[in-house]
């Protein structure tokens, strides 16, 4: 996978647009949360 393909996949996950139940995408989102600030949330792996 290229970095561009990976970033596109991540965008679909972030927007809850993957072809799986939204609850599963939200659960993964919770696992990937790195930090929260007053004006941002950062997710990564």
ModelCIF file with pLDDT and N, C-alpha, C, O atoms, coordinates in Angstrom:
data_MODEL
#
_entry.id   MODEL 
#
_entity.id                         1 
_entity.type                       polymer 
_entity.pdbx_number_of_molecules   1 
#
_entity_poly.entity_id                      1 
_entity_poly.type                           'polypeptide(L)' 
_entity_poly.nstd_linkage                   no 
_entity_poly.nstd_monomer                   no 
_entity_poly.pdbx_seq_one_letter_code       
;(UNK)(UNK)(UNK)(UNK)(UNK)(UNK)(UNK)(UNK)(UNK)(UNK)(UNK)(UNK)(UNK)(UNK)(UNK)(UNK)
(UNK)(UNK)(UNK)(UNK)(UNK)(UNK)(UNK)(UNK)(UNK)(UNK)(UNK)(UNK)(UNK)(UNK)(UNK)(UNK)
(UNK)(UNK)(UNK)(UNK)(UNK)(UNK)(UNK)(UNK)(UNK)(UNK)(UNK)(UNK)(UNK)
;
_entity_poly.pdbx_seq_one_letter_code_can   XXXXXXXXXXXXXXXXXXXXXXXXXXXXXXXXXXXXXXXXXXXXX 
_entity_poly.pdbx_strand_id                 A 
#
loop_
_entity_poly_seq.entity_id 
_entity_poly_seq.num 
_entity_poly_seq.mon_id 
_entity_poly_seq.hetero 
1 1  UNK n 
1 2  UNK n 
1 3  UNK n 
1 4  UNK n 
1 5  UNK n 
1 6  UNK n 
1 7  UNK n 
1 8  UNK n 
1 9  UNK n 
1 10 UNK n 
1 11 UNK n 
1 12 UNK n 
1 13 UNK n 
1 14 UNK n 
1 15 UNK n 
1 16 UNK n 
1 17 UNK n 
1 18 UNK n 
1 19 UNK n 
1 20 UNK n 
1 21 UNK n 
1 22 UNK n 
1 23 UNK n 
1 24 UNK n 
1 25 UNK n 
1 26 UNK n 
1 27 UNK n 
1 28 UNK n 
1 29 UNK n 
1 30 UNK n 
1 31 UNK n 
1 32 UNK n 
1 33 UNK n 
1 34 UNK n 
1 35 UNK n 
1 36 UNK n 
1 37 UNK n 
1 38 UNK n 
1 39 UNK n 
1 40 UNK n 
1 41 UNK n 
1 42 UNK n 
1 43 UNK n 
1 44 UNK n 
1 45 UNK n 
#
_struct_asym.id          A 
_struct_asym.entity_id   1 
#
loop_
_ma_qa_metric.id 
_ma_qa_metric.mode 
_ma_qa_metric.name 
_ma_qa_metric.software_group_id 
_ma_qa_metric.type 
1 global pLDDT . pLDDT 
2 local  pLDDT . pLDDT 
#
_ma_qa_metric_global.metric_id      1 
_ma_qa_metric_global.metric_value   93.73 
_ma_qa_metric_global.model_id       1 
_ma_qa_metric_global.ordinal_id     1 
#
loop_
_ma_qa_metric_local.label_asym_id 
_ma_qa_metric_local.label_comp_id 
_ma_qa_metric_local.label_seq_id 
_ma_qa_metric_local.metric_id 
_ma_qa_metric_local.metric_value 
_ma_qa_metric_local.model_id 
_ma_qa_metric_local.ordinal_id 
A UNK 1  2 86.00 1 1  
A UNK 2  2 88.00 1 2  
A UNK 3  2 90.00 1 3  
A UNK 4  2 93.00 1 4  
A UNK 5  2 93.00 1 5  
A UNK 6  2 92.00 1 6  
A UNK 7  2 94.00 1 7  
A UNK 8  2 94.00 1 8  
A UNK 9  2 94.00 1 9  
A UNK 10 2 95.00 1 10 
A UNK 11 2 96.00 1 11 
A UNK 12 2 96.00 1 12 
A UNK 13 2 95.00 1 13 
A UNK 14 2 97.00 1 14 
A UNK 15 2 96.00 1 15 
A UNK 16 2 96.00 1 16 
A UNK 17 2 96.00 1 17 
A UNK 18 2 94.00 1 18 
A UNK 19 2 94.00 1 19 
A UNK 20 2 93.00 1 20 
A UNK 21 2 94.00 1 21 
A UNK 22 2 95.00 1 22 
A UNK 23 2 95.00 1 23 
A UNK 24 2 93.00 1 24 
A UNK 25 2 93.00 1 25 
A UNK 26 2 95.00 1 26 
A UNK 27 2 93.00 1 27 
A UNK 28 2 91.00 1 28 
A UNK 29 2 93.00 1 29 
A UNK 30 2 94.00 1 30 
A UNK 31 2 92.00 1 31 
A UNK 32 2 93.00 1 32 
A UNK 33 2 95.00 1 33 
A UNK 34 2 94.00 1 34 
A UNK 35 2 94.00 1 35 
A UNK 36 2 95.00 1 36 
A UNK 37 2 93.00 1 37 
A UNK 38 2 93.00 1 38 
A UNK 39 2 93.00 1 39 
A UNK 40 2 95.00 1 40 
A UNK 41 2 96.00 1 41 
A UNK 42 2 96.00 1 42 
A UNK 43 2 97.00 1 43 
A UNK 44 2 94.00 1 44 
A UNK 45 2 90.00 1 45 
#
loop_
_atom_site.group_PDB 
_atom_site.id 
_atom_site.type_symbol 
_atom_site.label_atom_id 
_atom_site.label_alt_id 
_atom_site.label_comp_id 
_atom_site.label_asym_id 
_atom_site.label_entity_id 
_atom_site.label_seq_id 
_atom_site.pdbx_PDB_ins_code 
_atom_site.Cartn_x 
_atom_site.Cartn_y 
_atom_site.Cartn_z 
_atom_site.occupancy 
_atom_site.B_iso_or_equiv 
_atom_site.pdbx_formal_charge 
_atom_site.auth_seq_id 
_atom_site.auth_comp_id 
_atom_site.auth_asym_id 
_atom_site.auth_atom_id 
_atom_site.pdbx_PDB_model_num 
ATOM 1   N N  . UNK A 1 1  ? 0.851   -1.179 0.000  1.00 86.00 ? 1  UNK A N  1 
ATOM 2   C CA . UNK A 1 1  ? 0.000   0.000  0.000  1.00 86.00 ? 1  UNK A CA 1 
ATOM 3   C C  . UNK A 1 1  ? 0.891   1.235  0.000  1.00 86.00 ? 1  UNK A C  1 
ATOM 4   O O  . UNK A 1 1  ? 1.919   1.272  0.677  1.00 86.00 ? 1  UNK A O  1 
ATOM 5   N N  . UNK A 1 2  ? 0.491   2.234  -0.759 1.00 88.00 ? 2  UNK A N  1 
ATOM 6   C CA . UNK A 1 2  ? 1.248   3.487  -0.791 1.00 88.00 ? 2  UNK A CA 1 
ATOM 7   C C  . UNK A 1 2  ? 0.781   4.389  0.347  1.00 88.00 ? 2  UNK A C  1 
ATOM 8   O O  . UNK A 1 2  ? -0.276  4.162  0.937  1.00 88.00 ? 2  UNK A O  1 
ATOM 9   N N  . UNK A 1 3  ? 1.561   5.394  0.644  1.00 90.00 ? 3  UNK A N  1 
ATOM 10  C CA . UNK A 1 3  ? 1.176   6.356  1.681  1.00 90.00 ? 3  UNK A CA 1 
ATOM 11  C C  . UNK A 1 3  ? -0.123  7.067  1.293  1.00 90.00 ? 3  UNK A C  1 
ATOM 12  O O  . UNK A 1 3  ? -0.969  7.313  2.153  1.00 90.00 ? 3  UNK A O  1 
ATOM 13  N N  . UNK A 1 4  ? -0.290  7.397  0.018  1.00 93.00 ? 4  UNK A N  1 
ATOM 14  C CA . UNK A 1 4  ? -1.519  8.052  -0.424 1.00 93.00 ? 4  UNK A CA 1 
ATOM 15  C C  . UNK A 1 4  ? -2.729  7.130  -0.254 1.00 93.00 ? 4  UNK A C  1 
ATOM 16  O O  . UNK A 1 4  ? -3.785  7.570  0.201  1.00 93.00 ? 4  UNK A O  1 
ATOM 17  N N  . UNK A 1 5  ? -2.577  5.860  -0.616 1.00 93.00 ? 5  UNK A N  1 
ATOM 18  C CA . UNK A 1 5  ? -3.669  4.899  -0.425 1.00 93.00 ? 5  UNK A CA 1 
ATOM 19  C C  . UNK A 1 5  ? -3.993  4.735  1.056  1.00 93.00 ? 5  UNK A C  1 
ATOM 20  O O  . UNK A 1 5  ? -5.160  4.641  1.437  1.00 93.00 ? 5  UNK A O  1 
ATOM 21  N N  . UNK A 1 6  ? -2.957  4.702  1.886  1.00 92.00 ? 6  UNK A N  1 
ATOM 22  C CA . UNK A 1 6  ? -3.159  4.562  3.323  1.00 92.00 ? 6  UNK A CA 1 
ATOM 23  C C  . UNK A 1 6  ? -3.909  5.777  3.882  1.00 92.00 ? 6  UNK A C  1 
ATOM 24  O O  . UNK A 1 6  ? -4.831  5.623  4.683  1.00 92.00 ? 6  UNK A O  1 
ATOM 25  N N  . UNK A 1 7  ? -3.511  6.985  3.458  1.00 94.00 ? 7  UNK A N  1 
ATOM 26  C CA . UNK A 1 7  ? -4.180  8.209  3.928  1.00 94.00 ? 7  UNK A CA 1 
ATOM 27  C C  . UNK A 1 7  ? -5.634  8.249  3.460  1.00 94.00 ? 7  UNK A C  1 
ATOM 28  O O  . UNK A 1 7  ? -6.501  8.737  4.184  1.00 94.00 ? 7  UNK A O  1 
ATOM 29  N N  . UNK A 1 8  ? -5.907  7.746  2.272  1.00 94.00 ? 8  UNK A N  1 
ATOM 30  C CA . UNK A 1 8  ? -7.277  7.683  1.762  1.00 94.00 ? 8  UNK A CA 1 
ATOM 31  C C  . UNK A 1 8  ? -8.115  6.725  2.593  1.00 94.00 ? 8  UNK A C  1 
ATOM 32  O O  . UNK A 1 8  ? -9.255  7.035  2.937  1.00 94.00 ? 8  UNK A O  1 
ATOM 33  N N  . UNK A 1 9  ? -7.559  5.565  2.917  1.00 94.00 ? 9  UNK A N  1 
ATOM 34  C CA . UNK A 1 9  ? -8.250  4.594  3.761  1.00 94.00 ? 9  UNK A CA 1 
ATOM 35  C C  . UNK A 1 9  ? -8.538  5.199  5.138  1.00 94.00 ? 9  UNK A C  1 
ATOM 36  O O  . UNK A 1 9  ? -9.642  5.061  5.664  1.00 94.00 ? 9  UNK A O  1 
ATOM 37  N N  . UNK A 1 10 ? -7.546  5.864  5.709  1.00 95.00 ? 10 UNK A N  1 
ATOM 38  C CA . UNK A 1 10 ? -7.706  6.490  7.021  1.00 95.00 ? 10 UNK A CA 1 
ATOM 39  C C  . UNK A 1 10 ? -8.801  7.555  6.977  1.00 95.00 ? 10 UNK A C  1 
ATOM 40  O O  . UNK A 1 10 ? -9.579  7.681  7.923  1.00 95.00 ? 10 UNK A O  1 
ATOM 41  N N  . UNK A 1 11 ? -8.867  8.316  5.895  1.00 96.00 ? 11 UNK A N  1 
ATOM 42  C CA . UNK A 1 11 ? -9.918  9.332  5.753  1.00 96.00 ? 11 UNK A CA 1 
ATOM 43  C C  . UNK A 1 11 ? -11.299 8.686  5.748  1.00 96.00 ? 11 UNK A C  1 
ATOM 44  O O  . UNK A 1 11 ? -12.235 9.215  6.348  1.00 96.00 ? 11 UNK A O  1 
ATOM 45  N N  . UNK A 1 12 ? -11.431 7.552  5.077  1.00 96.00 ? 12 UNK A N  1 
ATOM 46  C CA . UNK A 1 12 ? -12.719 6.850  5.061  1.00 96.00 ? 12 UNK A CA 1 
ATOM 47  C C  . UNK A 1 12 ? -13.084 6.354  6.452  1.00 96.00 ? 12 UNK A C  1 
ATOM 48  O O  . UNK A 1 12 ? -14.252 6.397  6.839  1.00 96.00 ? 12 UNK A O  1 
ATOM 49  N N  . UNK A 1 13 ? -12.097 5.884  7.204  1.00 95.00 ? 13 UNK A N  1 
ATOM 50  C CA . UNK A 1 13 ? -12.345 5.471  8.581  1.00 95.00 ? 13 UNK A CA 1 
ATOM 51  C C  . UNK A 1 13 ? -12.749 6.676  9.430  1.00 95.00 ? 13 UNK A C  1 
ATOM 52  O O  . UNK A 1 13 ? -13.717 6.603  10.187 1.00 95.00 ? 13 UNK A O  1 
ATOM 53  N N  . UNK A 1 14 ? -12.026 7.763  9.311  1.00 97.00 ? 14 UNK A N  1 
ATOM 54  C CA . UNK A 1 14 ? -12.309 8.962  10.108 1.00 97.00 ? 14 UNK A CA 1 
ATOM 55  C C  . UNK A 1 14 ? -13.710 9.510  9.825  1.00 97.00 ? 14 UNK A C  1 
ATOM 56  O O  . UNK A 1 14 ? -14.380 10.023 10.721 1.00 97.00 ? 14 UNK A O  1 
ATOM 57  N N  . UNK A 1 15 ? -14.137 9.395  8.577  1.00 96.00 ? 15 UNK A N  1 
ATOM 58  C CA . UNK A 1 15 ? -15.474 9.886  8.185  1.00 96.00 ? 15 UNK A CA 1 
ATOM 59  C C  . UNK A 1 15 ? -16.562 8.834  8.355  1.00 96.00 ? 15 UNK A C  1 
ATOM 60  O O  . UNK A 1 15 ? -17.722 9.071  8.017  1.00 96.00 ? 15 UNK A O  1 
ATOM 61  N N  . UNK A 1 16 ? -16.181 7.668  8.880  1.00 96.00 ? 16 UNK A N  1 
ATOM 62  C CA . UNK A 1 16 ? -17.102 6.550  9.078  1.00 96.00 ? 16 UNK A CA 1 
ATOM 63  C C  . UNK A 1 16 ? -17.745 6.120  7.764  1.00 96.00 ? 16 UNK A C  1 
ATOM 64  O O  . UNK A 1 16 ? -18.946 5.857  7.699  1.00 96.00 ? 16 UNK A O  1 
ATOM 65  N N  . UNK A 1 17 ? -16.916 6.053  6.709  1.00 96.00 ? 17 UNK A N  1 
ATOM 66  C CA . UNK A 1 17 ? -17.388 5.702  5.373  1.00 96.00 ? 17 UNK A CA 1 
ATOM 67  C C  . UNK A 1 17 ? -16.949 4.317  4.914  1.00 96.00 ? 17 UNK A C  1 
ATOM 68  O O  . UNK A 1 17 ? -17.203 3.942  3.769  1.00 96.00 ? 17 UNK A O  1 
ATOM 69  N N  . UNK A 1 18 ? -16.297 3.552  5.781  1.00 94.00 ? 18 UNK A N  1 
ATOM 70  C CA . UNK A 1 18 ? -15.905 2.204  5.392  1.00 94.00 ? 18 UNK A CA 1 
ATOM 71  C C  . UNK A 1 18 ? -17.142 1.313  5.326  1.00 94.00 ? 18 UNK A C  1 
ATOM 72  O O  . UNK A 1 18 ? -18.128 1.570  6.017  1.00 94.00 ? 18 UNK A O  1 
ATOM 73  N N  . UNK A 1 19 ? -17.097 0.281  4.511  1.00 94.00 ? 19 UNK A N  1 
ATOM 74  C CA . UNK A 1 19 ? -18.269 -0.582 4.329  1.00 94.00 ? 19 UNK A CA 1 
ATOM 75  C C  . UNK A 1 19 ? -18.451 -1.584 5.471  1.00 94.00 ? 19 UNK A C  1 
ATOM 76  O O  . UNK A 1 19 ? -18.599 -2.784 5.242  1.00 94.00 ? 19 UNK A O  1 
ATOM 77  N N  . UNK A 1 20 ? -18.439 -1.073 6.702  1.00 93.00 ? 20 UNK A N  1 
ATOM 78  C CA . UNK A 1 20 ? -18.701 -1.878 7.888  1.00 93.00 ? 20 UNK A CA 1 
ATOM 79  C C  . UNK A 1 20 ? -19.577 -1.064 8.827  1.00 93.00 ? 20 UNK A C  1 
ATOM 80  O O  . UNK A 1 20 ? -19.729 0.146  8.659  1.00 93.00 ? 20 UNK A O  1 
ATOM 81  N N  . UNK A 1 21 ? -20.138 -1.724 9.796  1.00 94.00 ? 21 UNK A N  1 
ATOM 82  C CA . UNK A 1 21 ? -21.001 -1.077 10.769 1.00 94.00 ? 21 UNK A CA 1 
ATOM 83  C C  . UNK A 1 21 ? -20.301 0.134  11.392 1.00 94.00 ? 21 UNK A C  1 
ATOM 84  O O  . UNK A 1 21 ? -19.141 0.043  11.794 1.00 94.00 ? 21 UNK A O  1 
ATOM 85  N N  . UNK A 1 22 ? -20.994 1.245  11.471 1.00 95.00 ? 22 UNK A N  1 
ATOM 86  C CA . UNK A 1 22 ? -20.444 2.473  12.039 1.00 95.00 ? 22 UNK A CA 1 
ATOM 87  C C  . UNK A 1 22 ? -19.981 2.259  13.481 1.00 95.00 ? 22 UNK A C  1 
ATOM 88  O O  . UNK A 1 22 ? -18.993 2.858  13.905 1.00 95.00 ? 22 UNK A O  1 
ATOM 89  N N  . UNK A 1 23 ? -20.675 1.421  14.230 1.00 95.00 ? 23 UNK A N  1 
ATOM 90  C CA . UNK A 1 23 ? -20.264 1.149  15.614 1.00 95.00 ? 23 UNK A CA 1 
ATOM 91  C C  . UNK A 1 23 ? -18.859 0.555  15.672 1.00 95.00 ? 23 UNK A C  1 
ATOM 92  O O  . UNK A 1 23 ? -18.098 0.867  16.588 1.00 95.00 ? 23 UNK A O  1 
ATOM 93  N N  . UNK A 1 24 ? -18.503 -0.292 14.715 1.00 93.00 ? 24 UNK A N  1 
ATOM 94  C CA . UNK A 1 24 ? -17.171 -0.876 14.673 1.00 93.00 ? 24 UNK A CA 1 
ATOM 95  C C  . UNK A 1 24 ? -16.123 0.194  14.350 1.00 93.00 ? 24 UNK A C  1 
ATOM 96  O O  . UNK A 1 24 ? -15.032 0.196  14.919 1.00 93.00 ? 24 UNK A O  1 
ATOM 97  N N  . UNK A 1 25 ? -16.462 1.096  13.439 1.00 93.00 ? 25 UNK A N  1 
ATOM 98  C CA . UNK A 1 25 ? -15.546 2.178  13.097 1.00 93.00 ? 25 UNK A CA 1 
ATOM 99  C C  . UNK A 1 25 ? -15.346 3.113  14.292 1.00 93.00 ? 25 UNK A C  1 
ATOM 100 O O  . UNK A 1 25 ? -14.243 3.611  14.516 1.00 93.00 ? 25 UNK A O  1 
ATOM 101 N N  . UNK A 1 26 ? -16.402 3.347  15.047 1.00 95.00 ? 26 UNK A N  1 
ATOM 102 C CA . UNK A 1 26 ? -16.294 4.206  16.236 1.00 95.00 ? 26 UNK A CA 1 
ATOM 103 C C  . UNK A 1 26 ? -15.474 3.527  17.329 1.00 95.00 ? 26 UNK A C  1 
ATOM 104 O O  . UNK A 1 26 ? -14.733 4.195  18.051 1.00 95.00 ? 26 UNK A O  1 
ATOM 105 N N  . UNK A 1 27 ? -15.596 2.231  17.457 1.00 93.00 ? 27 UNK A N  1 
ATOM 106 C CA . UNK A 1 27 ? -14.800 1.499  18.439 1.00 93.00 ? 27 UNK A CA 1 
ATOM 107 C C  . UNK A 1 27 ? -13.313 1.589  18.081 1.00 93.00 ? 27 UNK A C  1 
ATOM 108 O O  . UNK A 1 27 ? -12.469 1.785  18.955 1.00 93.00 ? 27 UNK A O  1 
ATOM 109 N N  . UNK A 1 28 ? -13.005 1.446  16.808 1.00 91.00 ? 28 UNK A N  1 
ATOM 110 C CA . UNK A 1 28 ? -11.620 1.563  16.370 1.00 91.00 ? 28 UNK A CA 1 
ATOM 111 C C  . UNK A 1 28 ? -11.109 2.979  16.591 1.00 91.00 ? 28 UNK A C  1 
ATOM 112 O O  . UNK A 1 28 ? -9.965  3.179  16.999 1.00 91.00 ? 28 UNK A O  1 
ATOM 113 N N  . UNK A 1 29 ? -11.946 3.941  16.323 1.00 93.00 ? 29 UNK A N  1 
ATOM 114 C CA . UNK A 1 29 ? -11.605 5.340  16.564 1.00 93.00 ? 29 UNK A CA 1 
ATOM 115 C C  . UNK A 1 29 ? -11.202 5.539  18.025 1.00 93.00 ? 29 UNK A C  1 
ATOM 116 O O  . UNK A 1 29 ? -10.206 6.205  18.306 1.00 93.00 ? 29 UNK A O  1 
ATOM 117 N N  . UNK A 1 30 ? -11.959 4.972  18.945 1.00 94.00 ? 30 UNK A N  1 
ATOM 118 C CA . UNK A 1 30 ? -11.642 5.083  20.371 1.00 94.00 ? 30 UNK A CA 1 
ATOM 119 C C  . UNK A 1 30 ? -10.274 4.481  20.680 1.00 94.00 ? 30 UNK A C  1 
ATOM 120 O O  . UNK A 1 30 ? -9.525  5.024  21.492 1.00 94.00 ? 30 UNK A O  1 
ATOM 121 N N  . UNK A 1 31 ? -9.947  3.359  20.037 1.00 92.00 ? 31 UNK A N  1 
ATOM 122 C CA . UNK A 1 31 ? -8.656  2.709  20.249 1.00 92.00 ? 31 UNK A CA 1 
ATOM 123 C C  . UNK A 1 31 ? -7.490  3.527  19.707 1.00 92.00 ? 31 UNK A C  1 
ATOM 124 O O  . UNK A 1 31 ? -6.372  3.440  20.216 1.00 92.00 ? 31 UNK A O  1 
ATOM 125 N N  . UNK A 1 32 ? -7.754  4.316  18.682 1.00 93.00 ? 32 UNK A N  1 
ATOM 126 C CA . UNK A 1 32 ? -6.696  5.060  18.007 1.00 93.00 ? 32 UNK A CA 1 
ATOM 127 C C  . UNK A 1 32 ? -6.481  6.462  18.562 1.00 93.00 ? 32 UNK A C  1 
ATOM 128 O O  . UNK A 1 32 ? -5.556  7.153  18.133 1.00 93.00 ? 32 UNK A O  1 
ATOM 129 N N  . UNK A 1 33 ? -7.308  6.898  19.501 1.00 95.00 ? 33 UNK A N  1 
ATOM 130 C CA . UNK A 1 33 ? -7.166  8.245  20.050 1.00 95.00 ? 33 UNK A CA 1 
ATOM 131 C C  . UNK A 1 33 ? -5.816  8.389  20.747 1.00 95.00 ? 33 UNK A C  1 
ATOM 132 O O  . UNK A 1 33 ? -5.495  7.631  21.663 1.00 95.00 ? 33 UNK A O  1 
ATOM 133 N N  . UNK A 1 34 ? -5.029  9.371  20.303 1.00 94.00 ? 34 UNK A N  1 
ATOM 134 C CA . UNK A 1 34 ? -3.705  9.628  20.857 1.00 94.00 ? 34 UNK A CA 1 
ATOM 135 C C  . UNK A 1 34 ? -3.767  10.764 21.865 1.00 94.00 ? 34 UNK A C  1 
ATOM 136 O O  . UNK A 1 34 ? -3.205  10.664 22.956 1.00 94.00 ? 34 UNK A O  1 
ATOM 137 N N  . UNK A 1 35 ? -4.449  11.841 21.501 1.00 94.00 ? 35 UNK A N  1 
ATOM 138 C CA . UNK A 1 35 ? -4.532  13.002 22.383 1.00 94.00 ? 35 UNK A CA 1 
ATOM 139 C C  . UNK A 1 35 ? -5.729  13.859 22.017 1.00 94.00 ? 35 UNK A C  1 
ATOM 140 O O  . UNK A 1 35 ? -6.208  13.861 20.882 1.00 94.00 ? 35 UNK A O  1 
ATOM 141 N N  . UNK A 1 36 ? -6.186  14.578 23.010 1.00 95.00 ? 36 UNK A N  1 
ATOM 142 C CA . UNK A 1 36 ? -7.250  15.556 22.807 1.00 95.00 ? 36 UNK A CA 1 
ATOM 143 C C  . UNK A 1 36 ? -6.786  16.885 23.369 1.00 95.00 ? 36 UNK A C  1 
ATOM 144 O O  . UNK A 1 36 ? -6.223  16.945 24.463 1.00 95.00 ? 36 UNK A O  1 
ATOM 145 N N  . UNK A 1 37 ? -7.018  17.926 22.636 1.00 93.00 ? 37 UNK A N  1 
ATOM 146 C CA . UNK A 1 37 ? -6.723  19.274 23.096 1.00 93.00 ? 37 UNK A CA 1 
ATOM 147 C C  . UNK A 1 37 ? -7.978  20.110 22.992 1.00 93.00 ? 37 UNK A C  1 
ATOM 148 O O  . UNK A 1 37 ? -9.026  19.614 22.577 1.00 93.00 ? 37 UNK A O  1 
ATOM 149 N N  . UNK A 1 38 ? -7.883  21.374 23.364 1.00 93.00 ? 38 UNK A N  1 
ATOM 150 C CA . UNK A 1 38 ? -9.074  22.217 23.321 1.00 93.00 ? 38 UNK A CA 1 
ATOM 151 C C  . UNK A 1 38 ? -9.634  22.413 21.907 1.00 93.00 ? 38 UNK A C  1 
ATOM 152 O O  . UNK A 1 38 ? -10.824 22.681 21.736 1.00 93.00 ? 38 UNK A O  1 
ATOM 153 N N  . UNK A 1 39 ? -8.761  22.275 20.888 1.00 93.00 ? 39 UNK A N  1 
ATOM 154 C CA . UNK A 1 39 ? -9.206  22.538 19.521 1.00 93.00 ? 39 UNK A CA 1 
ATOM 155 C C  . UNK A 1 39 ? -8.901  21.400 18.555 1.00 93.00 ? 39 UNK A C  1 
ATOM 156 O O  . UNK A 1 39 ? -9.027  21.565 17.342 1.00 93.00 ? 39 UNK A O  1 
ATOM 157 N N  . UNK A 1 40 ? -8.496  20.230 19.092 1.00 95.00 ? 40 UNK A N  1 
ATOM 158 C CA . UNK A 1 40 ? -8.184  19.138 18.184 1.00 95.00 ? 40 UNK A CA 1 
ATOM 159 C C  . UNK A 1 40 ? -8.316  17.791 18.895 1.00 95.00 ? 40 UNK A C  1 
ATOM 160 O O  . UNK A 1 40 ? -8.279  17.687 20.121 1.00 95.00 ? 40 UNK A O  1 
ATOM 161 N N  . UNK A 1 41 ? -8.472  16.771 18.057 1.00 96.00 ? 41 UNK A N  1 
ATOM 162 C CA . UNK A 1 41 ? -8.357  15.377 18.474 1.00 96.00 ? 41 UNK A CA 1 
ATOM 163 C C  . UNK A 1 41 ? -7.391  14.728 17.497 1.00 96.00 ? 41 UNK A C  1 
ATOM 164 O O  . UNK A 1 41 ? -7.480  14.927 16.285 1.00 96.00 ? 41 UNK A O  1 
ATOM 165 N N  . UNK A 1 42 ? -6.466  13.947 18.045 1.00 96.00 ? 42 UNK A N  1 
ATOM 166 C CA . UNK A 1 42 ? -5.431  13.324 17.233 1.00 96.00 ? 42 UNK A CA 1 
ATOM 167 C C  . UNK A 1 42 ? -5.548  11.807 17.377 1.00 96.00 ? 42 UNK A C  1 
ATOM 168 O O  . UNK A 1 42 ? -5.557  11.277 18.488 1.00 96.00 ? 42 UNK A O  1 
ATOM 169 N N  . UNK A 1 43 ? -5.636  11.121 16.246 1.00 97.00 ? 43 UNK A N  1 
ATOM 170 C CA . UNK A 1 43 ? -5.769  9.665  16.197 1.00 97.00 ? 43 UNK A CA 1 
ATOM 171 C C  . UNK A 1 43 ? -4.603  9.109  15.396 1.00 97.00 ? 43 UNK A C  1 
ATOM 172 O O  . UNK A 1 43 ? -4.214  9.700  14.388 1.00 97.00 ? 43 UNK A O  1 
ATOM 173 N N  . UNK A 1 44 ? -4.041  7.990  15.821 1.00 94.00 ? 44 UNK A N  1 
ATOM 174 C CA . UNK A 1 44 ? -2.936  7.440  15.051 1.00 94.00 ? 44 UNK A CA 1 
ATOM 175 C C  . UNK A 1 44 ? -2.490  6.088  15.537 1.00 94.00 ? 44 UNK A C  1 
ATOM 176 O O  . UNK A 1 44 ? -2.923  5.592  16.577 1.00 94.00 ? 44 UNK A O  1 
ATOM 177 N N  . UNK A 1 45 ? -1.599  5.501  14.740 1.00 90.00 ? 45 UNK A N  1 
ATOM 178 C CA . UNK A 1 45 ? -1.068  4.172  15.038 1.00 90.00 ? 45 UNK A CA 1 
ATOM 179 C C  . UNK A 1 45 ? 0.239   4.005  14.287 1.00 90.00 ? 45 UNK A C  1 
ATOM 180 O O  . UNK A 1 45 ? 0.877   2.956  14.383 1.00 90.00 ? 45 UNK A O  1 
#
